[in-house]
Amino acid sequence: MGQRERCARARGWTIRAADGAWKVLTSEPGVQFYTGNNLGGTIHGKGGKAYGRHSAFCLETQHFPDSPNQPRFPSTVLRAGQS
């Protein structure tokens, strides 16, 4: 089974917005969700457009932050030869 198939079976989200949709596939057990709630218009992007409050978000797939210290959580150990 290829990486894409493993990811598709593990986790999947479809995010719909007025200007498009994104599909997020991951084999990681957790996700961190960051928002642009504190953006105040001082950071500028493409075409000089200012990023205002609530204008951005980020999904960061990963293991649970405290995995090494929690035996019930999936392992974060990566041994030689593993990928």
PDB file of N, CA and C in Angstrom:
ATOM      1  N   MET A   1       0.846  -1.178   0.000  1.00  0.00           N
ATOM      2  CA  MET A   1       0.000   0.000   0.000  1.00  0.00           C
ATOM      3  C   MET A   1       0.890   1.240   0.000  1.00  0.00           C
ATOM      4  N   GLY A   2       0.603   2.191  -0.871  1.00  0.00           N
ATOM      5  CA  GLY A   2       1.395   3.414  -0.964  1.00  0.00           C
ATOM      6  C   GLY A   2       1.077   4.403   0.152  1.00  0.00           C
ATOM      7  N   GLN A   3       1.923   5.435   0.262  1.00  0.00           N
ATOM      8  CA  GLN A   3       1.759   6.446   1.314  1.00  0.00           C
ATOM      9  C   GLN A   3       0.394   7.128   1.216  1.00  0.00           C
ATOM     10  N   ARG A   4      -0.047   7.451   0.018  1.00  0.00           N
ATOM     11  CA  ARG A   4      -1.338   8.133  -0.134  1.00  0.00           C
ATOM     12  C   ARG A   4      -2.481   7.257   0.383  1.00  0.00           C
ATOM     13  N   GLU A   5      -2.437   5.967   0.086  1.00  0.00           N
ATOM     14  CA  GLU A   5      -3.494   5.071   0.554  1.00  0.00           C
ATOM     15  C   GLU A   5      -3.480   4.953   2.069  1.00  0.00           C
ATOM     16  N   ARG A   6      -2.270   4.887   2.678  1.00  0.00           N
ATOM     17  CA  ARG A   6      -2.179   4.818   4.140  1.00  0.00           C
ATOM     18  C   ARG A   6      -2.768   6.083   4.758  1.00  0.00           C
ATOM     19  N   CYS A   7      -2.454   7.229   4.177  1.00  0.00           N
ATOM     20  CA  CYS A   7      -2.966   8.500   4.703  1.00  0.00           C
ATOM     21  C   CYS A   7      -4.482   8.574   4.564  1.00  0.00           C
ATOM     22  N   ALA A   8      -4.976   8.194   3.405  1.00  0.00           N
ATOM     23  CA  ALA A   8      -6.415   8.282   3.158  1.00  0.00           C
ATOM     24  C   ALA A   8      -7.199   7.418   4.144  1.00  0.00           C
ATOM     25  N   ARG A   9      -6.638   6.289   4.519  1.00  0.00           N
ATOM     26  CA  ARG A   9      -7.328   5.417   5.460  1.00  0.00           C
ATOM     27  C   ARG A   9      -7.197   5.908   6.896  1.00  0.00           C
ATOM     28  N   ALA A  10      -6.133   6.646   7.185  1.00  0.00           N
ATOM     29  CA  ALA A  10      -5.867   7.056   8.558  1.00  0.00           C
ATOM     30  C   ALA A  10      -6.748   8.231   8.994  1.00  0.00           C
ATOM     31  N   ARG A  11      -6.655   9.347   8.340  1.00  0.00           N
ATOM     32  CA  ARG A  11      -7.385  10.549   8.719  1.00  0.00           C
ATOM     33  C   ARG A  11      -7.704  11.348   7.460  1.00  0.00           C
ATOM     34  N   GLY A  12      -8.803  12.017   7.464  1.00  0.00           N
ATOM     35  CA  GLY A  12      -9.117  12.882   6.348  1.00  0.00           C
ATOM     36  C   GLY A  12     -10.129  13.940   6.715  1.00  0.00           C
ATOM     37  N   TRP A  13      -9.886  15.139   6.260  1.00  0.00           N
ATOM     38  CA  TRP A  13     -10.818  16.244   6.463  1.00  0.00           C
ATOM     39  C   TRP A  13     -10.984  16.950   5.136  1.00  0.00           C
ATOM     40  N   THR A  14     -12.161  17.423   4.879  1.00  0.00           N
ATOM     41  CA  THR A  14     -12.393  18.306   3.747  1.00  0.00           C
ATOM     42  C   THR A  14     -12.842  19.634   4.321  1.00  0.00           C
ATOM     43  N   ILE A  15     -12.159  20.685   3.932  1.00  0.00           N
ATOM     44  CA  ILE A  15     -12.452  22.030   4.425  1.00  0.00           C
ATOM     45  C   ILE A  15     -13.011  22.828   3.266  1.00  0.00           C
ATOM     46  N   ARG A  16     -14.209  23.317   3.428  1.00  0.00           N
ATOM     47  CA  ARG A  16     -14.846  24.089   2.372  1.00  0.00           C
ATOM     48  C   ARG A  16     -14.895  25.563   2.779  1.00  0.00           C
ATOM     49  N   ALA A  17     -14.624  26.415   1.820  1.00  0.00           N
ATOM     50  CA  ALA A  17     -14.671  27.857   2.052  1.00  0.00           C
ATOM     51  C   ALA A  17     -15.241  28.508   0.803  1.00  0.00           C
ATOM     52  N   ALA A  18     -15.530  29.771   0.905  1.00  0.00           N
ATOM     53  CA  ALA A  18     -16.130  30.493  -0.213  1.00  0.00           C
ATOM     54  C   ALA A  18     -15.256  30.446  -1.463  1.00  0.00           C
ATOM     55  N   ASP A  19     -13.937  30.423  -1.269  1.00  0.00           N
ATOM     56  CA  ASP A  19     -13.042  30.465  -2.429  1.00  0.00           C
ATOM     57  C   ASP A  19     -12.397  29.120  -2.763  1.00  0.00           C
ATOM     58  N   GLY A  20     -12.927  28.019  -2.251  1.00  0.00           N
ATOM     59  CA  GLY A  20     -12.375  26.724  -2.619  1.00  0.00           C
ATOM     60  C   GLY A  20     -12.527  25.686  -1.523  1.00  0.00           C
ATOM     61  N   ALA A  21     -11.885  24.566  -1.729  1.00  0.00           N
ATOM     62  CA  ALA A  21     -11.922  23.480  -0.756  1.00  0.00           C
ATOM     63  C   ALA A  21     -10.553  22.823  -0.714  1.00  0.00           C
ATOM     64  N   TRP A  22     -10.197  22.314   0.445  1.00  0.00           N
ATOM     65  CA  TRP A  22      -8.930  21.617   0.633  1.00  0.00           C
ATOM     66  C   TRP A  22      -9.212  20.280   1.275  1.00  0.00           C
ATOM     67  N   LYS A  23      -8.439  19.291   0.886  1.00  0.00           N
ATOM     68  CA  LYS A  23      -8.531  17.984   1.517  1.00  0.00           C
ATOM     69  C   LYS A  23      -7.210  17.739   2.228  1.00  0.00           C
ATOM     70  N   VAL A  24      -7.284  17.403   3.495  1.00  0.00           N
ATOM     71  CA  VAL A  24      -6.094  17.136   4.302  1.00  0.00           C
ATOM     72  C   VAL A  24      -6.062  15.647   4.601  1.00  0.00           C
ATOM     73  N   LEU A  25      -4.988  14.976   4.194  1.00  0.00           N
ATOM     74  CA  LEU A  25      -4.804  13.556   4.472  1.00  0.00           C
ATOM     75  C   LEU A  25      -3.537  13.392   5.301  1.00  0.00           C
ATOM     76  N   THR A  26      -3.599  12.564   6.325  1.00  0.00           N
ATOM     77  CA  THR A  26      -2.436  12.350   7.169  1.00  0.00           C
ATOM     78  C   THR A  26      -2.466  10.967   7.797  1.00  0.00           C
ATOM     79  N   SER A  27      -1.305  10.468   8.129  1.00  0.00           N
ATOM     80  CA  SER A  27      -1.209   9.228   8.894  1.00  0.00           C
ATOM     81  C   SER A  27      -0.934   9.536  10.365  1.00  0.00           C
ATOM     82  N   GLU A  28      -0.822  10.808  10.713  1.00  0.00           N
ATOM     83  CA  GLU A  28      -0.559  11.215  12.094  1.00  0.00           C
ATOM     84  C   GLU A  28      -1.836  11.145  12.928  1.00  0.00           C
ATOM     85  N   PRO A  29      -1.715  10.859  14.224  1.00  0.00           N
ATOM     86  CA  PRO A  29      -2.907  10.708  15.062  1.00  0.00           C
ATOM     87  C   PRO A  29      -3.506  12.024  15.561  1.00  0.00           C
ATOM     88  N   GLY A  30      -2.771  13.121  15.474  1.00  0.00           N
ATOM     89  CA  GLY A  30      -3.272  14.375  16.024  1.00  0.00           C
ATOM     90  C   GLY A  30      -3.165  15.521  15.044  1.00  0.00           C
ATOM     91  N   VAL A  31      -3.828  16.609  15.393  1.00  0.00           N
ATOM     92  CA  VAL A  31      -3.758  17.821  14.575  1.00  0.00           C
ATOM     93  C   VAL A  31      -3.799  19.039  15.490  1.00  0.00           C
ATOM     94  N   GLN A  32      -2.942  19.999  15.208  1.00  0.00           N
ATOM     95  CA  GLN A  32      -2.966  21.283  15.901  1.00  0.00           C
ATOM     96  C   GLN A  32      -3.659  22.267  14.971  1.00  0.00           C
ATOM     97  N   PHE A  33      -4.552  23.054  15.520  1.00  0.00           N
ATOM     98  CA  PHE A  33      -5.300  24.034  14.741  1.00  0.00           C
ATOM     99  C   PHE A  33      -4.901  25.425  15.220  1.00  0.00           C
ATOM    100  N   TYR A  34      -4.313  26.199  14.326  1.00  0.00           N
ATOM    101  CA  TYR A  34      -3.914  27.565  14.642  1.00  0.00           C
ATOM    102  C   TYR A  34      -4.816  28.520  13.872  1.00  0.00           C
ATOM    103  N   THR A  35      -5.161  29.635  14.480  1.00  0.00           N
ATOM    104  CA  THR A  35      -6.003  30.628  13.809  1.00  0.00           C
ATOM    105  C   THR A  35      -5.262  31.951  13.668  1.00  0.00           C
ATOM    106  N   GLY A  36      -5.814  32.804  12.844  1.00  0.00           N
ATOM    107  CA  GLY A  36      -5.275  34.141  12.667  1.00  0.00           C
ATOM    108  C   GLY A  36      -6.002  35.158  13.535  1.00  0.00           C
ATOM    109  N   ASN A  37      -6.510  34.719  14.675  1.00  0.00           N
ATOM    110  CA  ASN A  37      -7.294  35.606  15.529  1.00  0.00           C
ATOM    111  C   ASN A  37      -6.539  36.856  15.967  1.00  0.00           C
ATOM    112  N   ASN A  38      -5.228  36.747  16.097  1.00  0.00           N
ATOM    113  CA  ASN A  38      -4.463  37.893  16.598  1.00  0.00           C
ATOM    114  C   ASN A  38      -3.752  38.677  15.513  1.00  0.00           C
ATOM    115  N   LEU A  39      -4.042  38.366  14.264  1.00  0.00           N
ATOM    116  CA  LEU A  39      -3.457  39.160  13.188  1.00  0.00           C
ATOM    117  C   LEU A  39      -4.130  40.523  13.180  1.00  0.00           C
ATOM    118  N   GLY A  40      -3.333  41.553  13.098  1.00  0.00           N
ATOM    119  CA  GLY A  40      -3.896  42.893  13.207  1.00  0.00           C
ATOM    120  C   GLY A  40      -3.748  43.758  11.978  1.00  0.00           C
ATOM    121  N   GLY A  41      -3.442  43.169  10.833  1.00  0.00           N
ATOM    122  CA  GLY A  41      -3.313  43.964   9.617  1.00  0.00           C
ATOM    123  C   GLY A  41      -1.913  44.494   9.377  1.00  0.00           C
ATOM    124  N   THR A  42      -0.942  44.136  10.236  1.00  0.00           N
ATOM    125  CA  THR A  42       0.421  44.631  10.060  1.00  0.00           C
ATOM    126  C   THR A  42       1.268  43.711   9.188  1.00  0.00           C
ATOM    127  N   ILE A  43       0.798  42.481   8.947  1.00  0.00           N
ATOM    128  CA  ILE A  43       1.510  41.544   8.075  1.00  0.00           C
ATOM    129  C   ILE A  43       0.807  41.547   6.725  1.00  0.00           C
ATOM    130  N   HIS A  44       1.611  41.637   5.657  1.00  0.00           N
ATOM    131  CA  HIS A  44       1.049  41.715   4.311  1.00  0.00           C
ATOM    132  C   HIS A  44       1.462  40.507   3.485  1.00  0.00           C
ATOM    133  N   GLY A  45       0.556  40.047   2.628  1.00  0.00           N
ATOM    134  CA  GLY A  45       0.797  38.887   1.781  1.00  0.00           C
ATOM    135  C   GLY A  45       0.833  39.257   0.319  1.00  0.00           C
ATOM    136  N   LYS A  46       0.353  38.344  -0.518  1.00  0.00           N
ATOM    137  CA  LYS A  46       0.362  38.548  -1.965  1.00  0.00           C
ATOM    138  C   LYS A  46      -0.347  39.841  -2.338  1.00  0.00           C
ATOM    139  N   GLY A  47       0.260  40.552  -3.253  1.00  0.00           N
ATOM    140  CA  GLY A  47      -0.330  41.786  -3.735  1.00  0.00           C
ATOM    141  C   GLY A  47      -0.433  42.873  -2.679  1.00  0.00           C
ATOM    142  N   GLY A  48       0.305  42.732  -1.564  1.00  0.00           N
ATOM    143  CA  GLY A  48       0.272  43.735  -0.513  1.00  0.00           C
ATOM    144  C   GLY A  48      -0.959  43.676   0.362  1.00  0.00           C
ATOM    145  N   LYS A  49      -1.772  42.639   0.188  1.00  0.00           N
ATOM    146  CA  LYS A  49      -3.003  42.517   0.980  1.00  0.00           C
ATOM    147  C   LYS A  49      -2.667  42.286   2.453  1.00  0.00           C
ATOM    148  N   ALA A  50      -3.283  43.060   3.315  1.00  0.00           N
ATOM    149  CA  ALA A  50      -3.058  42.941   4.757  1.00  0.00           C
ATOM    150  C   ALA A  50      -3.844  41.756   5.317  1.00  0.00           C
ATOM    151  N   TYR A  51      -3.190  40.990   6.178  1.00  0.00           N
ATOM    152  CA  TYR A  51      -3.853  39.882   6.860  1.00  0.00           C
ATOM    153  C   TYR A  51      -4.470  40.416   8.145  1.00  0.00           C
ATOM    154  N   GLY A  52      -5.784  40.504   8.142  1.00  0.00           N
ATOM    155  CA  GLY A  52      -6.505  41.016   9.309  1.00  0.00           C
ATOM    156  C   GLY A  52      -6.951  39.913  10.241  1.00  0.00           C
ATOM    157  N   ARG A  53      -7.583  40.299  11.315  1.00  0.00           N
ATOM    158  CA  ARG A  53      -8.075  39.365  12.326  1.00  0.00           C
ATOM    159  C   ARG A  53      -8.984  38.313  11.672  1.00  0.00           C
ATOM    160  N   HIS A  54      -8.819  37.066  12.047  1.00  0.00           N
ATOM    161  CA  HIS A  54      -9.597  35.916  11.556  1.00  0.00           C
ATOM    162  C   HIS A  54      -9.386  35.635  10.066  1.00  0.00           C
ATOM    163  N   SER A  55      -8.287  36.100   9.480  1.00  0.00           N
ATOM    164  CA  SER A  55      -8.104  35.919   8.040  1.00  0.00           C
ATOM    165  C   SER A  55      -7.259  34.707   7.667  1.00  0.00           C
ATOM    166  N   ALA A  56      -6.850  33.909   8.657  1.00  0.00           N
ATOM    167  CA  ALA A  56      -6.002  32.768   8.326  1.00  0.00           C
ATOM    168  C   ALA A  56      -6.184  31.639   9.333  1.00  0.00           C
ATOM    169  N   PHE A  57      -5.812  30.425   8.893  1.00  0.00           N
ATOM    170  CA  PHE A  57      -5.755  29.288   9.809  1.00  0.00           C
ATOM    171  C   PHE A  57      -4.710  28.315   9.293  1.00  0.00           C
ATOM    172  N   CYS A  58      -4.286  27.421  10.164  1.00  0.00           N
ATOM    173  CA  CYS A  58      -3.294  26.420   9.806  1.00  0.00           C
ATOM    174  C   CYS A  58      -3.646  25.112  10.493  1.00  0.00           C
ATOM    175  N   LEU A  59      -3.566  24.006   9.756  1.00  0.00           N
ATOM    176  CA  LEU A  59      -3.716  22.673  10.326  1.00  0.00           C
ATOM    177  C   LEU A  59      -2.351  22.003  10.267  1.00  0.00           C
ATOM    178  N   GLU A  60      -1.820  21.639  11.420  1.00  0.00           N
ATOM    179  CA  GLU A  60      -0.506  21.004  11.491  1.00  0.00           C
ATOM    180  C   GLU A  60      -0.689  19.591  12.029  1.00  0.00           C
ATOM    181  N   THR A  61      -0.536  18.598  11.166  1.00  0.00           N
ATOM    182  CA  THR A  61      -0.711  17.210  11.592  1.00  0.00           C
ATOM    183  C   THR A  61       0.557  16.734  12.277  1.00  0.00           C
ATOM    184  N   GLN A  62       0.375  15.993  13.358  1.00  0.00           N
ATOM    185  CA  GLN A  62       1.521  15.561  14.154  1.00  0.00           C
ATOM    186  C   GLN A  62       1.084  14.522  15.174  1.00  0.00           C
ATOM    187  N   HIS A  63       2.050  14.014  15.898  1.00  0.00           N
ATOM    188  CA  HIS A  63       1.729  13.173  17.047  1.00  0.00           C
ATOM    189  C   HIS A  63       1.240  14.073  18.174  1.00  0.00           C
ATOM    190  N   PHE A  64       0.638  13.471  19.177  1.00  0.00           N
ATOM    191  CA  PHE A  64       0.175  14.253  20.324  1.00  0.00           C
ATOM    192  C   PHE A  64       1.389  14.860  21.021  1.00  0.00           C
ATOM    193  N   PRO A  65       1.311  16.121  21.442  1.00  0.00           N
ATOM    194  CA  PRO A  65       2.477  16.813  21.997  1.00  0.00           C
ATOM    195  C   PRO A  65       3.168  16.096  23.168  1.00  0.00           C
ATOM    196  N   ASP A  66       2.431  15.398  24.002  1.00  0.00           N
ATOM    197  CA  ASP A  66       3.033  14.772  25.178  1.00  0.00           C
ATOM    198  C   ASP A  66       3.239  13.263  24.995  1.00  0.00           C
ATOM    199  N   SER A  67       3.276  12.809  23.736  1.00  0.00           N
ATOM    200  CA  SER A  67       3.392  11.368  23.450  1.00  0.00           C
ATOM    201  C   SER A  67       4.546  10.659  24.157  1.00  0.00           C
ATOM    202  N   PRO A  68       5.745  11.239  24.206  1.00  0.00           N
ATOM    203  CA  PRO A  68       6.842  10.502  24.846  1.00  0.00           C
ATOM    204  C   PRO A  68       6.593  10.197  26.329  1.00  0.00           C
ATOM    205  N   ASN A  69       5.739  10.976  26.972  1.00  0.00           N
ATOM    206  CA  ASN A  69       5.487  10.806  28.399  1.00  0.00           C
ATOM    207  C   ASN A  69       4.185  10.083  28.721  1.00  0.00           C
ATOM    208  N   GLN A  70       3.438   9.701  27.705  1.00  0.00           N
ATOM    209  CA  GLN A  70       2.136   9.064  27.918  1.00  0.00           C
ATOM    210  C   GLN A  70       2.121   7.685  27.273  1.00  0.00           C
ATOM    211  N   PRO A  71       2.222   6.622  28.067  1.00  0.00           N
ATOM    212  CA  PRO A  71       2.274   5.274  27.493  1.00  0.00           C
ATOM    213  C   PRO A  71       1.041   4.900  26.668  1.00  0.00           C
ATOM    214  N   ARG A  72      -0.102   5.529  26.918  1.00  0.00           N
ATOM    215  CA  ARG A  72      -1.326   5.214  26.164  1.00  0.00           C
ATOM    216  C   ARG A  72      -1.352   5.864  24.786  1.00  0.00           C
ATOM    217  N   PHE A  73      -0.507   6.861  24.564  1.00  0.00           N
ATOM    218  CA  PHE A  73      -0.478   7.560  23.280  1.00  0.00           C
ATOM    219  C   PHE A  73       0.364   6.779  22.276  1.00  0.00           C
ATOM    220  N   PRO A  74       0.126   6.983  20.966  1.00  0.00           N
ATOM    221  CA  PRO A  74       0.971   6.329  19.954  1.00  0.00           C
ATOM    222  C   PRO A  74       2.432   6.744  20.133  1.00  0.00           C
ATOM    223  N   SER A  75       3.336   5.834  19.853  1.00  0.00           N
ATOM    224  CA  SER A  75       4.765   6.086  20.031  1.00  0.00           C
ATOM    225  C   SER A  75       5.283   7.106  19.025  1.00  0.00           C
ATOM    226  N   THR A  76       6.247   7.901  19.451  1.00  0.00           N
ATOM    227  CA  THR A  76       6.904   8.857  18.564  1.00  0.00           C
ATOM    228  C   THR A  76       8.326   8.402  18.230  1.00  0.00           C
ATOM    229  N   VAL A  77       8.692   7.196  18.656  1.00  0.00           N
ATOM    230  CA  VAL A  77      10.040   6.681  18.427  1.00  0.00           C
ATOM    231  C   VAL A  77      10.193   6.269  16.957  1.00  0.00           C
ATOM    232  N   LEU A  78      11.250   6.745  16.333  1.00  0.00           N
ATOM    233  CA  LEU A  78      11.579   6.387  14.961  1.00  0.00           C
ATOM    234  C   LEU A  78      12.944   5.711  14.988  1.00  0.00           C
ATOM    235  N   ARG A  79      12.963   4.426  14.717  1.00  0.00           N
ATOM    236  CA  ARG A  79      14.196   3.639  14.772  1.00  0.00           C
ATOM    237  C   ARG A  79      14.912   3.662  13.417  1.00  0.00           C
ATOM    238  N   ALA A  80      16.196   3.368  13.423  1.00  0.00           N
ATOM    239  CA  ALA A  80      16.990   3.322  12.200  1.00  0.00           C
ATOM    240  C   ALA A  80      16.323   2.411  11.175  1.00  0.00           C
ATOM    241  N   GLY A  81      16.207   2.885   9.940  1.00  0.00           N
ATOM    242  CA  GLY A  81      15.594   2.102   8.879  1.00  0.00           C
ATOM    243  C   GLY A  81      14.096   2.302   8.742  1.00  0.00           C
ATOM    244  N   GLN A  82      13.460   2.949   9.710  1.00  0.00           N
ATOM    245  CA  GLN A  82      12.019   3.222   9.630  1.00  0.00           C
ATOM    246  C   GLN A  82      11.805   4.565   8.940  1.00  0.00           C
ATOM    247  N   SER A  83      10.634   4.720   8.375  1.00  0.00           N
ATOM    248  CA  SER A  83      10.288   6.014   7.769  1.00  0.00           C
ATOM    249  C   SER A  83       8.857   6.341   8.065  1.00  0.00           C
TER     250      SER A  83
END
